[in-house]
Structure formats: structure tokens, C-alpha cells
Amino acid sequence: MSITTTDAKGDLETDPNASKPQGFRRNKTLFIALTHITLIVLSVTFFMPFLWMLVTSIKPIKETMTNPPTWIPSQLLWHNYPDAITYDSKELGYLPFPTYARNTLIITLLSVAGAVTSNSLVAYSFARIKWPGRDLFFALTLATMTIPFPVLMVPVFSLFRWIGWVGSFKPLWVPAFFANAFSIFLLRQFFKTIPMELSEAAKIDGCSELRIFLDVIAPLSKPALSVVALFTFMGAWNDFLGPLIYLVDQHTFTLSLGLQAYQSQHGGTQWNLLMAASVIVVAPVILVFFFAQKVFIQGIATSGLK
């Protein structure tokens, strides 16, 4: 027997679960409760390393390696953060942390600009323009995702060395202006959800393909473009292998390479300062995702849906 209720507008509504057995509703409630408990447990589990990093960053050095671990420091040393920024390494001397941050920011911003520009233009051509061999070239583009980076590492390094870019930032941000298969696929799927009638109406008004892309497609694609920008930002900000291969001067190092310098090769690593520096490095990524999560989730959820 179903239960009929009246909503605020006076319309009749029927509860679909009311006609089902009591056991079904009880099992459904139990399933939802177990799902929430599982998600909470997993969230706490994944949060533990970050919490340990935060706690260790304000510990005295003698409490960082105690056994059993000390979760509550005997005293809160907030000066570990400025000390980490002005750290003096035994092997490398003074570490120019602000310089590392500036280098990382330059590479990241250029990479984001290049990725958003190149991937959106290529994806637009695959999704909205008909030209001979389009589907074949798109399939070949997706096929490049199967090639692991170690296979290309030596040839690409040889190319950049031949050009004379080794030791500069160019190998780290110039490739972003040549697009990548995953971002092309993501944007193409999103562009295909936009009605073609909008482009046709713009063509009737005399707009070129570039004007249609800039004035019609791009404003409607902010969620997907934000996803590409965020992925690129996280990849460039956290990149370790690229700077390790191409950068040779300490004053061109990025934050990821700078963190490695906090680990002494002869023992005596200042773990509290290393964790404080790690928190500083991770904080921008967390803040960017926190403020962009609504647009990010919207872009992921709507890509590929008609």
C-alpha cells in the first residue's frame, strides 16, 4: 500500500518506498549507514599522513623519530616554518626557498596557460569541425596515451639538449603548448555536449571558427577548462622528475627539488623542518582545489554526457 502526501503546492506525491516491505527499507537504511561509515573510515585513513606531516612540522627535533610515535608535541614550535624557509643545508649551504617558489610558480603558470590554450583548440577541431581524417587522427592521438614516459625520456632529453635548452625552464613548460591526449579527450567530450545550433547561428551572423570558439564555446566550457587547468597546475607544481632531469643549477631548482635538499646525505636530517617545508609546498595545491572544487567536480561530472 502506497502512502500519498501533499506537497507545499498542493500536488499529490506518492512515496515509492512506502509500498515496499519493511525489511527492504530497513536493509536500505543499513546499506546507507554502512556506506557512510566506510567512507568516513577511508577518509580518516587517507588523512592520517597529512595529519602526521602537520604534527611533525611543529615538533621539536627530538620527538620526530620517537618510538612509539608522539602525536601530541610537548611544545608547539611554530618557528619551524620560518626556519624551514631560511634553512642552511650542510651539503648545499643556504637553500633559497623563495627562489624555489618563484621558479615553480613561473613554470606552473606557463604550463597552465599552454595546456588550456593548446588542448582547447585541438579538442575544438576534433569536436566541432569536420575535416578529412578527423576520426583517424583522434584515434591516433588517444593511442599516444599508451606510450609510457620512460620510453620517450631519453629521446626528448636528447632533443632538448640538441636545441640547447637543458639547464633552463623551457623543457618544463614549452611541451604544455603542444597539448596532451587526456586533456584533448576530456575537452572534446565536453564540447560535443554543446548544441551545434549555437555554432550554426554564429556562422549565420558571420563569425569565423575562431570567433565561435572564443565567444560561444569557451564561455560555456569553463568547468572543463578549469579541470584541465587544475590537472596541469597540480602536475607542474608537484613535478619532480622533469626538474631533476633538466635543471642543473640550484638557483633554477623548483620546490620539489628543494625538498630533497632538506634530507641530509650524511645523517642528521631535520625532519621537523622538512615537514614544515612540505606543508608549505602542499598548501597551494589544497587551497586551489578547495576554491575550485565546485567547478572541478562539475567539469568532471558533465564531460562526456549528452
C-alpha atoms as a PDB file:
ATOM      1  CA  MET A   1       0.000   0.000   0.000  1.00  0.00           C
ATOM      2  CA  SER A   2       1.499   3.333  -1.044  1.00  0.00           C
ATOM      3  CA  ILE A   3       1.334   6.474   1.011  1.00  0.00           C
ATOM      4  CA  THR A   4       0.097   9.655  -0.667  1.00  0.00           C
ATOM      5  CA  THR A   5       1.208  13.034   0.635  1.00  0.00           C
ATOM      6  CA  THR A   6       0.579  16.623  -0.365  1.00  0.00           C
ATOM      7  CA  ASP A   7       3.471  18.958  -1.044  1.00  0.00           C
ATOM      8  CA  ALA A   8       3.605  22.699  -0.402  1.00  0.00           C
ATOM      9  CA  LYS A   9       1.912  23.449  -3.775  1.00  0.00           C
ATOM     10  CA  GLY A  10      -0.987  21.150  -3.054  1.00  0.00           C
ATOM     11  CA  ASP A  11       0.068  18.472  -5.568  1.00  0.00           C
ATOM     12  CA  LEU A  12      -0.217  14.831  -4.623  1.00  0.00           C
ATOM     13  CA  GLU A  13       3.000  12.847  -4.214  1.00  0.00           C
ATOM     14  CA  THR A  14       3.413   9.124  -3.714  1.00  0.00           C
ATOM     15  CA  ASP A  15       6.275   7.685  -1.690  1.00  0.00           C
ATOM     16  CA  PRO A  16       7.755   4.923  -3.898  1.00  0.00           C
ATOM     17  CA  ASN A  17       9.244   3.081  -0.901  1.00  0.00           C
ATOM     18  CA  ALA A  18       6.018   3.057   1.082  1.00  0.00           C
ATOM     19  CA  SER A  19       4.582   0.063  -0.819  1.00  0.00           C
ATOM     20  CA  LYS A  20       7.751  -1.995  -0.319  1.00  0.00           C
ATOM     21  CA  PRO A  21       8.268  -4.428   2.578  1.00  0.00           C
ATOM     22  CA  GLN A  22       9.535  -3.142   5.904  1.00  0.00           C
ATOM     23  CA  GLY A  23      12.601  -5.344   5.564  1.00  0.00           C
ATOM     24  CA  PHE A  24      13.561  -3.670   2.279  1.00  0.00           C
ATOM     25  CA  ARG A  25      13.502  -0.225   3.854  1.00  0.00           C
ATOM     26  CA  ARG A  26      15.484  -1.488   6.846  1.00  0.00           C
ATOM     27  CA  ASN A  27      18.115  -3.043   4.571  1.00  0.00           C
ATOM     28  CA  LYS A  28      18.325   0.139   2.525  1.00  0.00           C
ATOM     29  CA  THR A  29      18.897   2.217   5.662  1.00  0.00           C
ATOM     30  CA  LEU A  30      21.549  -0.237   6.861  1.00  0.00           C
ATOM     31  CA  PHE A  31      23.292  -0.108   3.479  1.00  0.00           C
ATOM     32  CA  ILE A  32      23.383   3.706   3.523  1.00  0.00           C
ATOM     33  CA  ALA A  33      24.741   3.708   7.084  1.00  0.00           C
ATOM     34  CA  LEU A  34      27.483   1.184   6.219  1.00  0.00           C
ATOM     35  CA  THR A  35      28.390   3.213   3.132  1.00  0.00           C
ATOM     36  CA  HIS A  36      28.801   6.376   5.187  1.00  0.00           C
ATOM     37  CA  ILE A  37      30.834   4.565   7.852  1.00  0.00           C
ATOM     38  CA  THR A  38      33.124   3.084   5.189  1.00  0.00           C
ATOM     39  CA  LEU A  39      33.655   6.491   3.583  1.00  0.00           C
ATOM     40  CA  ILE A  40      34.437   8.068   6.955  1.00  0.00           C
ATOM     41  CA  VAL A  41      36.954   5.346   7.812  1.00  0.00           C
ATOM     42  CA  LEU A  42      38.637   5.681   4.405  1.00  0.00           C
ATOM     43  CA  SER A  43      38.709   9.478   4.722  1.00  0.00           C
ATOM     44  CA  VAL A  44      40.397   9.266   8.111  1.00  0.00           C
ATOM     45  CA  THR A  45      42.864   6.700   6.770  1.00  0.00           C
ATOM     46  CA  PHE A  46      43.870   8.890   3.827  1.00  0.00           C
ATOM     47  CA  PHE A  47      44.035  11.962   6.069  1.00  0.00           C
ATOM     48  CA  MET A  48      46.442  10.362   8.557  1.00  0.00           C
ATOM     49  CA  PRO A  49      49.672  11.004   6.572  1.00  0.00           C
ATOM     50  CA  PHE A  50      48.738  14.653   6.094  1.00  0.00           C
ATOM     51  CA  LEU A  51      47.901  14.969   9.796  1.00  0.00           C
ATOM     52  CA  TRP A  52      51.241  13.368  10.690  1.00  0.00           C
ATOM     53  CA  MET A  53      53.019  15.864   8.448  1.00  0.00           C
ATOM     54  CA  LEU A  54      51.234  18.769  10.149  1.00  0.00           C
ATOM     55  CA  VAL A  55      52.009  17.487  13.647  1.00  0.00           C
ATOM     56  CA  THR A  56      55.648  16.745  12.838  1.00  0.00           C
ATOM     57  CA  SER A  57      56.123  20.205  11.337  1.00  0.00           C
ATOM     58  CA  ILE A  58      55.636  21.830  14.774  1.00  0.00           C
ATOM     59  CA  LYS A  59      57.505  19.229  16.870  1.00  0.00           C
ATOM     60  CA  PRO A  60      60.932  19.551  18.489  1.00  0.00           C
ATOM     61  CA  ILE A  61      63.501  17.572  16.540  1.00  0.00           C
ATOM     62  CA  LYS A  62      63.937  15.002  19.355  1.00  0.00           C
ATOM     63  CA  GLU A  63      60.253  13.972  19.115  1.00  0.00           C
ATOM     64  CA  THR A  64      60.149  13.383  15.368  1.00  0.00           C
ATOM     65  CA  MET A  65      61.612   9.861  15.435  1.00  0.00           C
ATOM     66  CA  THR A  66      60.413   8.548  18.809  1.00  0.00           C
ATOM     67  CA  ASN A  67      59.006   5.045  19.156  1.00  0.00           C
ATOM     68  CA  PRO A  68      56.096   4.840  19.759  1.00  0.00           C
ATOM     69  CA  PRO A  69      55.271   7.954  17.722  1.00  0.00           C
ATOM     70  CA  THR A  70      54.299  11.135  19.549  1.00  0.00           C
ATOM     71  CA  TRP A  71      51.063  12.579  18.208  1.00  0.00           C
ATOM     72  CA  ILE A  72      50.836  15.496  20.635  1.00  0.00           C
ATOM     73  CA  PRO A  73      54.082  17.535  20.808  1.00  0.00           C
ATOM     74  CA  SER A  74      55.384  18.596  24.193  1.00  0.00           C
ATOM     75  CA  GLN A  75      55.645  22.120  22.791  1.00  0.00           C
ATOM     76  CA  LEU A  76      54.420  23.740  19.593  1.00  0.00           C
ATOM     77  CA  LEU A  77      57.337  25.155  17.646  1.00  0.00           C
ATOM     78  CA  TRP A  78      55.669  27.417  15.084  1.00  0.00           C
ATOM     79  CA  HIS A  79      59.034  28.962  14.245  1.00  0.00           C
ATOM     80  CA  ASN A  80      59.836  25.754  12.347  1.00  0.00           C
ATOM     81  CA  TYR A  81      58.090  27.316   9.337  1.00  0.00           C
ATOM     82  CA  PRO A  82      60.291  30.432   9.031  1.00  0.00           C
ATOM     83  CA  ASP A  83      63.286  28.236   9.921  1.00  0.00           C
ATOM     84  CA  ALA A  84      62.408  25.923   7.025  1.00  0.00           C
ATOM     85  CA  ILE A  85      62.297  28.866   4.624  1.00  0.00           C
ATOM     86  CA  THR A  86      65.743  30.051   5.761  1.00  0.00           C
ATOM     87  CA  TYR A  87      67.233  26.549   6.101  1.00  0.00           C
ATOM     88  CA  ASP A  88      71.012  26.149   5.785  1.00  0.00           C
ATOM     89  CA  SER A  89      71.933  22.718   4.381  1.00  0.00           C
ATOM     90  CA  LYS A  90      75.205  21.038   5.339  1.00  0.00           C
ATOM     91  CA  GLU A  91      75.780  19.838   1.780  1.00  0.00           C
ATOM     92  CA  LEU A  92      74.372  22.728  -0.271  1.00  0.00           C
ATOM     93  CA  GLY A  93      74.529  25.663   2.119  1.00  0.00           C
ATOM     94  CA  TYR A  94      71.666  28.161   2.257  1.00  0.00           C
ATOM     95  CA  LEU A  95      68.573  26.952   0.401  1.00  0.00           C
ATOM     96  CA  PRO A  96      66.862  29.865  -1.407  1.00  0.00           C
ATOM     97  CA  PHE A  97      63.314  28.687  -0.676  1.00  0.00           C
ATOM     98  CA  PRO A  98      61.679  31.884  -2.060  1.00  0.00           C
ATOM     99  CA  THR A  99      63.633  31.347  -5.275  1.00  0.00           C
ATOM    100  CA  TYR A 100      62.373  27.771  -5.491  1.00  0.00           C
ATOM    101  CA  ALA A 101      58.809  29.028  -5.026  1.00  0.00           C
ATOM    102  CA  ARG A 102      59.245  31.688  -7.717  1.00  0.00           C
ATOM    103  CA  ASN A 103      60.676  29.176 -10.188  1.00  0.00           C
ATOM    104  CA  THR A 104      57.866  26.729  -9.527  1.00  0.00           C
ATOM    105  CA  LEU A 105      55.235  29.448  -9.928  1.00  0.00           C
ATOM    106  CA  ILE A 106      56.683  30.595 -13.254  1.00  0.00           C
ATOM    107  CA  ILE A 107      56.787  27.067 -14.666  1.00  0.00           C
ATOM    108  CA  THR A 108      53.303  26.282 -13.361  1.00  0.00           C
ATOM    109  CA  LEU A 109      51.619  29.408 -14.742  1.00  0.00           C
ATOM    110  CA  LEU A 110      53.227  28.993 -18.165  1.00  0.00           C
ATOM    111  CA  SER A 111      52.250  25.310 -18.224  1.00  0.00           C
ATOM    112  CA  VAL A 112      48.643  26.091 -17.306  1.00  0.00           C
ATOM    113  CA  ALA A 113      48.405  28.796 -19.967  1.00  0.00           C
ATOM    114  CA  GLY A 114      49.881  26.493 -22.591  1.00  0.00           C
ATOM    115  CA  ALA A 115      47.741  23.495 -21.662  1.00  0.00           C
ATOM    116  CA  VAL A 116      44.444  25.387 -21.636  1.00  0.00           C
ATOM    117  CA  THR A 117      45.190  27.136 -24.932  1.00  0.00           C
ATOM    118  CA  SER A 118      46.539  24.208 -26.943  1.00  0.00           C
ATOM    119  CA  ASN A 119      44.235  21.482 -25.659  1.00  0.00           C
ATOM    120  CA  SER A 120      41.086  23.561 -26.115  1.00  0.00           C
ATOM    121  CA  LEU A 121      41.955  24.464 -29.721  1.00  0.00           C
ATOM    122  CA  VAL A 122      42.825  20.882 -30.681  1.00  0.00           C
ATOM    123  CA  ALA A 123      39.752  19.498 -28.928  1.00  0.00           C
ATOM    124  CA  TYR A 124      37.551  22.071 -30.680  1.00  0.00           C
ATOM    125  CA  SER A 125      38.806  20.939 -34.066  1.00  0.00           C
ATOM    126  CA  PHE A 126      38.111  17.298 -33.199  1.00  0.00           C
ATOM    127  CA  ALA A 127      34.646  18.003 -31.810  1.00  0.00           C
ATOM    128  CA  ARG A 128      33.158  20.842 -33.868  1.00  0.00           C
ATOM    129  CA  ILE A 129      34.937  20.985 -37.257  1.00  0.00           C
ATOM    130  CA  LYS A 130      34.564  18.343 -39.967  1.00  0.00           C
ATOM    131  CA  TRP A 131      37.746  17.640 -41.906  1.00  0.00           C
ATOM    132  CA  PRO A 132      39.127  14.567 -43.720  1.00  0.00           C
ATOM    133  CA  GLY A 133      40.729  12.014 -41.421  1.00  0.00           C
ATOM    134  CA  ARG A 134      39.489  13.681 -38.239  1.00  0.00           C
ATOM    135  CA  ASP A 135      38.402  10.489 -36.514  1.00  0.00           C
ATOM    136  CA  LEU A 136      41.592   8.662 -37.539  1.00  0.00           C
ATOM    137  CA  PHE A 137      43.813  11.400 -36.136  1.00  0.00           C
ATOM    138  CA  PHE A 138      41.755  11.458 -32.951  1.00  0.00           C
ATOM    139  CA  ALA A 139      42.246   7.716 -32.552  1.00  0.00           C
ATOM    140  CA  LEU A 140      45.999   8.141 -33.088  1.00  0.00           C
ATOM    141  CA  THR A 141      46.018  10.913 -30.502  1.00  0.00           C
ATOM    142  CA  LEU A 142      44.357   8.654 -27.947  1.00  0.00           C
ATOM    143  CA  ALA A 143      46.824   5.887 -28.823  1.00  0.00           C
ATOM    144  CA  THR A 144      49.691   8.064 -27.583  1.00  0.00           C
ATOM    145  CA  MET A 145      48.324   7.640 -24.051  1.00  0.00           C
ATOM    146  CA  THR A 146      49.583   4.042 -24.133  1.00  0.00           C
ATOM    147  CA  ILE A 147      53.220   5.137 -24.549  1.00  0.00           C
ATOM    148  CA  PRO A 148      54.921   5.314 -21.122  1.00  0.00           C
ATOM    149  CA  PHE A 149      57.064   8.355 -20.357  1.00  0.00           C
ATOM    150  CA  PRO A 150      60.295   6.353 -19.724  1.00  0.00           C
ATOM    151  CA  VAL A 151      60.219   5.284 -23.380  1.00  0.00           C
ATOM    152  CA  LEU A 152      60.271   8.933 -24.502  1.00  0.00           C
ATOM    153  CA  MET A 153      62.510  10.295 -21.758  1.00  0.00           C
ATOM    154  CA  VAL A 154      65.883   9.734 -23.471  1.00  0.00           C
ATOM    155  CA  PRO A 155      64.831  10.884 -26.995  1.00  0.00           C
ATOM    156  CA  VAL A 156      63.132  14.002 -25.607  1.00  0.00           C
ATOM    157  CA  PHE A 157      66.151  14.813 -23.449  1.00  0.00           C
ATOM    158  CA  SER A 158      68.436  14.401 -26.473  1.00  0.00           C
ATOM    159  CA  LEU A 159      66.215  16.755 -28.464  1.00  0.00           C
ATOM    160  CA  PHE A 160      66.239  19.456 -25.795  1.00  0.00           C
ATOM    161  CA  ARG A 161      69.998  19.075 -25.345  1.00  0.00           C
ATOM    162  CA  TRP A 162      70.490  19.478 -29.100  1.00  0.00           C
ATOM    163  CA  ILE A 163      68.373  22.650 -29.009  1.00  0.00           C
ATOM    164  CA  GLY A 164      70.374  23.886 -26.022  1.00  0.00           C
ATOM    165  CA  TRP A 165      67.501  24.096 -23.532  1.00  0.00           C
ATOM    166  CA  VAL A 166      68.956  21.824 -20.824  1.00  0.00           C
ATOM    167  CA  GLY A 167      69.507  23.911 -17.711  1.00  0.00           C
ATOM    168  CA  SER A 168      66.589  26.248 -18.447  1.00  0.00           C
ATOM    169  CA  PHE A 169      62.862  26.223 -17.705  1.00  0.00           C
ATOM    170  CA  LYS A 170      61.849  25.744 -21.352  1.00  0.00           C
ATOM    171  CA  PRO A 171      61.741  21.901 -21.370  1.00  0.00           C
ATOM    172  CA  LEU A 172      59.330  22.081 -18.427  1.00  0.00           C
ATOM    173  CA  TRP A 173      56.704  24.422 -19.892  1.00  0.00           C
ATOM    174  CA  VAL A 174      57.077  24.530 -23.683  1.00  0.00           C
ATOM    175  CA  PRO A 175      55.650  20.976 -24.156  1.00  0.00           C
ATOM    176  CA  ALA A 176      52.435  22.175 -22.499  1.00  0.00           C
ATOM    177  CA  PHE A 177      51.764  24.283 -25.624  1.00  0.00           C
ATOM    178  CA  PHE A 178      51.555  21.117 -27.729  1.00  0.00           C
ATOM    179  CA  ALA A 179      48.589  19.543 -25.915  1.00  0.00           C
ATOM    180  CA  ASN A 180      48.209  16.028 -24.500  1.00  0.00           C
ATOM    181  CA  ALA A 181      45.833  13.218 -25.294  1.00  0.00           C
ATOM    182  CA  PHE A 182      43.959  13.062 -21.986  1.00  0.00           C
ATOM    183  CA  SER A 183      43.071  16.763 -21.897  1.00  0.00           C
ATOM    184  CA  ILE A 184      42.108  16.688 -25.575  1.00  0.00           C
ATOM    185  CA  PHE A 185      39.767  13.787 -24.924  1.00  0.00           C
ATOM    186  CA  LEU A 186      38.238  15.450 -21.860  1.00  0.00           C
ATOM    187  CA  LEU A 187      37.569  18.742 -23.654  1.00  0.00           C
ATOM    188  CA  ARG A 188      36.360  17.063 -26.841  1.00  0.00           C
ATOM    189  CA  GLN A 189      33.744  15.109 -24.924  1.00  0.00           C
ATOM    190  CA  PHE A 190      32.577  18.297 -23.233  1.00  0.00           C
ATOM    191  CA  PHE A 191      32.475  20.301 -26.485  1.00  0.00           C
ATOM    192  CA  LYS A 192      30.307  17.624 -28.096  1.00  0.00           C
ATOM    193  CA  THR A 193      27.624  18.202 -25.445  1.00  0.00           C
ATOM    194  CA  ILE A 194      27.171  21.817 -26.608  1.00  0.00           C
ATOM    195  CA  PRO A 195      24.375  22.046 -29.238  1.00  0.00           C
ATOM    196  CA  MET A 196      25.616  22.567 -32.780  1.00  0.00           C
ATOM    197  CA  GLU A 197      22.774  25.045 -33.317  1.00  0.00           C
ATOM    198  CA  LEU A 198      24.743  27.625 -31.358  1.00  0.00           C
ATOM    199  CA  SER A 199      27.679  27.366 -33.751  1.00  0.00           C
ATOM    200  CA  GLU A 200      25.393  27.433 -36.774  1.00  0.00           C
ATOM    201  CA  ALA A 201      23.654  30.554 -35.510  1.00  0.00           C
ATOM    202  CA  ALA A 202      27.028  32.231 -35.012  1.00  0.00           C
ATOM    203  CA  LYS A 203      28.065  31.279 -38.566  1.00  0.00           C
ATOM    204  CA  ILE A 204      24.918  32.867 -39.920  1.00  0.00           C
ATOM    205  CA  ASP A 205      25.938  36.059 -38.134  1.00  0.00           C
ATOM    206  CA  GLY A 206      29.286  35.918 -39.950  1.00  0.00           C
ATOM    207  CA  CYS A 207      31.526  34.565 -37.190  1.00  0.00           C
ATOM    208  CA  SER A 208      34.649  32.632 -38.061  1.00  0.00           C
ATOM    209  CA  GLU A 209      35.544  29.366 -36.334  1.00  0.00           C
ATOM    210  CA  LEU A 210      37.995  31.187 -34.050  1.00  0.00           C
ATOM    211  CA  ARG A 211      35.357  33.753 -33.088  1.00  0.00           C
ATOM    212  CA  ILE A 212      32.826  30.969 -32.447  1.00  0.00           C
ATOM    213  CA  PHE A 213      35.341  29.236 -30.202  1.00  0.00           C
ATOM    214  CA  LEU A 214      36.207  32.384 -28.245  1.00  0.00           C
ATOM    215  CA  ASP A 215      32.718  33.881 -27.904  1.00  0.00           C
ATOM    216  CA  VAL A 216      30.453  30.811 -27.813  1.00  0.00           C
ATOM    217  CA  ILE A 217      32.247  27.596 -26.913  1.00  0.00           C
ATOM    218  CA  ALA A 218      34.891  28.800 -24.441  1.00  0.00           C
ATOM    219  CA  PRO A 219      32.471  30.697 -22.138  1.00  0.00           C
ATOM    220  CA  LEU A 220      30.220  27.629 -21.987  1.00  0.00           C
ATOM    221  CA  SER A 221      33.176  25.325 -21.271  1.00  0.00           C
ATOM    222  CA  LYS A 222      34.560  26.944 -18.135  1.00  0.00           C
ATOM    223  CA  PRO A 223      34.040  23.785 -15.988  1.00  0.00           C
ATOM    224  CA  ALA A 224      36.005  21.569 -18.395  1.00  0.00           C
ATOM    225  CA  LEU A 225      38.699  24.181 -18.943  1.00  0.00           C
ATOM    226  CA  SER A 226      39.018  24.530 -15.175  1.00  0.00           C
ATOM    227  CA  VAL A 227      39.579  20.779 -14.872  1.00  0.00           C
ATOM    228  CA  VAL A 228      42.388  20.910 -17.431  1.00  0.00           C
ATOM    229  CA  ALA A 229      43.905  23.945 -15.690  1.00  0.00           C
ATOM    230  CA  LEU A 230      43.732  22.261 -12.277  1.00  0.00           C
ATOM    231  CA  PHE A 231      45.251  18.988 -13.500  1.00  0.00           C
ATOM    232  CA  THR A 232      48.044  20.896 -15.215  1.00  0.00           C
ATOM    233  CA  PHE A 233      48.634  23.042 -12.138  1.00  0.00           C
ATOM    234  CA  MET A 234      48.932  20.003  -9.885  1.00  0.00           C
ATOM    235  CA  GLY A 235      51.186  18.165 -12.325  1.00  0.00           C
ATOM    236  CA  ALA A 236      53.556  21.104 -12.856  1.00  0.00           C
ATOM    237  CA  TRP A 237      53.628  22.124  -9.196  1.00  0.00           C
ATOM    238  CA  ASN A 238      54.406  18.611  -7.946  1.00  0.00           C
ATOM    239  CA  ASP A 239      56.669  17.560 -10.828  1.00  0.00           C
ATOM    240  CA  PHE A 240      59.946  16.100  -9.589  1.00  0.00           C
ATOM    241  CA  LEU A 241      61.316  14.029 -12.470  1.00  0.00           C
ATOM    242  CA  GLY A 242      61.248  16.842 -15.042  1.00  0.00           C
ATOM    243  CA  PRO A 243      63.216  19.378 -12.963  1.00  0.00           C
ATOM    244  CA  LEU A 244      65.581  16.581 -11.855  1.00  0.00           C
ATOM    245  CA  ILE A 245      66.419  15.805 -15.484  1.00  0.00           C
ATOM    246  CA  TYR A 246      66.667  19.294 -16.970  1.00  0.00           C
ATOM    247  CA  LEU A 247      67.733  21.661 -14.161  1.00  0.00           C
ATOM    248  CA  VAL A 248      71.386  21.737 -13.129  1.00  0.00           C
ATOM    249  CA  ASP A 249      71.789  24.998 -11.201  1.00  0.00           C
ATOM    250  CA  GLN A 250      70.498  25.255  -7.633  1.00  0.00           C
ATOM    251  CA  HIS A 251      69.063  28.707  -8.309  1.00  0.00           C
ATOM    252  CA  THR A 252      66.828  27.234 -11.015  1.00  0.00           C
ATOM    253  CA  PHE A 253      65.526  24.404  -8.806  1.00  0.00           C
ATOM    254  CA  THR A 254      61.818  24.032  -8.096  1.00  0.00           C
ATOM    255  CA  LEU A 255      60.160  23.314  -4.769  1.00  0.00           C
ATOM    256  CA  SER A 256      60.108  19.561  -5.392  1.00  0.00           C
ATOM    257  CA  LEU A 257      63.887  19.515  -5.833  1.00  0.00           C
ATOM    258  CA  GLY A 258      64.295  21.887  -2.905  1.00  0.00           C
ATOM    259  CA  LEU A 259      62.553  19.436  -0.568  1.00  0.00           C
ATOM    260  CA  GLN A 260      65.114  16.790  -1.456  1.00  0.00           C
ATOM    261  CA  ALA A 261      67.874  19.130  -0.275  1.00  0.00           C
ATOM    262  CA  TYR A 262      66.401  19.076   3.255  1.00  0.00           C
ATOM    263  CA  GLN A 263      67.365  15.405   3.533  1.00  0.00           C
ATOM    264  CA  SER A 264      70.989  15.162   4.578  1.00  0.00           C
ATOM    265  CA  GLN A 265      73.042  12.510   2.775  1.00  0.00           C
ATOM    266  CA  HIS A 266      75.216  12.000   5.866  1.00  0.00           C
ATOM    267  CA  GLY A 267      72.529  11.680   8.550  1.00  0.00           C
ATOM    268  CA  GLY A 268      71.091  14.301  10.871  1.00  0.00           C
ATOM    269  CA  THR A 269      68.083  15.249   8.713  1.00  0.00           C
ATOM    270  CA  GLN A 270      65.949  17.983  10.275  1.00  0.00           C
ATOM    271  CA  TRP A 271      62.654  16.127   9.899  1.00  0.00           C
ATOM    272  CA  ASN A 272      60.566  18.824  11.553  1.00  0.00           C
ATOM    273  CA  LEU A 273      61.875  21.437   9.112  1.00  0.00           C
ATOM    274  CA  LEU A 274      61.392  19.054   6.190  1.00  0.00           C
ATOM    275  CA  MET A 275      57.764  18.506   7.192  1.00  0.00           C
ATOM    276  CA  ALA A 276      57.239  22.252   7.645  1.00  0.00           C
ATOM    277  CA  ALA A 277      58.609  22.871   4.153  1.00  0.00           C
ATOM    278  CA  SER A 278      56.381  20.064   2.822  1.00  0.00           C
ATOM    279  CA  VAL A 279      53.296  21.709   4.334  1.00  0.00           C
ATOM    280  CA  ILE A 280      54.218  24.996   2.646  1.00  0.00           C
ATOM    281  CA  VAL A 281      54.629  23.218  -0.689  1.00  0.00           C
ATOM    282  CA  VAL A 282      51.373  21.269  -0.415  1.00  0.00           C
ATOM    283  CA  ALA A 283      49.264  24.192   0.856  1.00  0.00           C
ATOM    284  CA  PRO A 284      48.798  25.991  -2.527  1.00  0.00           C
ATOM    285  CA  VAL A 285      47.512  22.818  -4.196  1.00  0.00           C
ATOM    286  CA  ILE A 286      45.000  22.244  -1.396  1.00  0.00           C
ATOM    287  CA  LEU A 287      43.846  25.855  -1.485  1.00  0.00           C
ATOM    288  CA  VAL A 288      43.431  25.845  -5.266  1.00  0.00           C
ATOM    289  CA  PHE A 289      41.381  22.658  -5.161  1.00  0.00           C
ATOM    290  CA  PHE A 290      39.318  23.936  -2.208  1.00  0.00           C
ATOM    291  CA  PHE A 291      38.272  27.100  -4.018  1.00  0.00           C
ATOM    292  CA  ALA A 292      37.844  25.404  -7.401  1.00  0.00           C
ATOM    293  CA  GLN A 293      36.247  22.139  -6.284  1.00  0.00           C
ATOM    294  CA  LYS A 294      32.713  23.113  -7.348  1.00  0.00           C
ATOM    295  CA  VAL A 295      33.767  23.926 -10.899  1.00  0.00           C
ATOM    296  CA  PHE A 296      36.177  20.977 -10.931  1.00  0.00           C
ATOM    297  CA  ILE A 297      33.532  18.422  -9.933  1.00  0.00           C
ATOM    298  CA  GLN A 298      31.051  19.962 -12.364  1.00  0.00           C
ATOM    299  CA  GLY A 299      33.538  19.643 -15.204  1.00  0.00           C
ATOM    300  CA  ILE A 300      34.333  16.006 -14.393  1.00  0.00           C
ATOM    301  CA  ALA A 301      30.666  15.072 -13.940  1.00  0.00           C
ATOM    302  CA  THR A 302      29.405  16.657 -17.158  1.00  0.00           C
ATOM    303  CA  SER A 303      32.224  15.659 -19.546  1.00  0.00           C
ATOM    304  CA  GLY A 304      31.024  13.038 -21.989  1.00  0.00           C
ATOM    305  CA  LEU A 305      27.321  13.397 -21.105  1.00  0.00           C
ATOM    306  CA  LYS A 306      24.772  14.448 -23.707  1.00  0.00           C
END
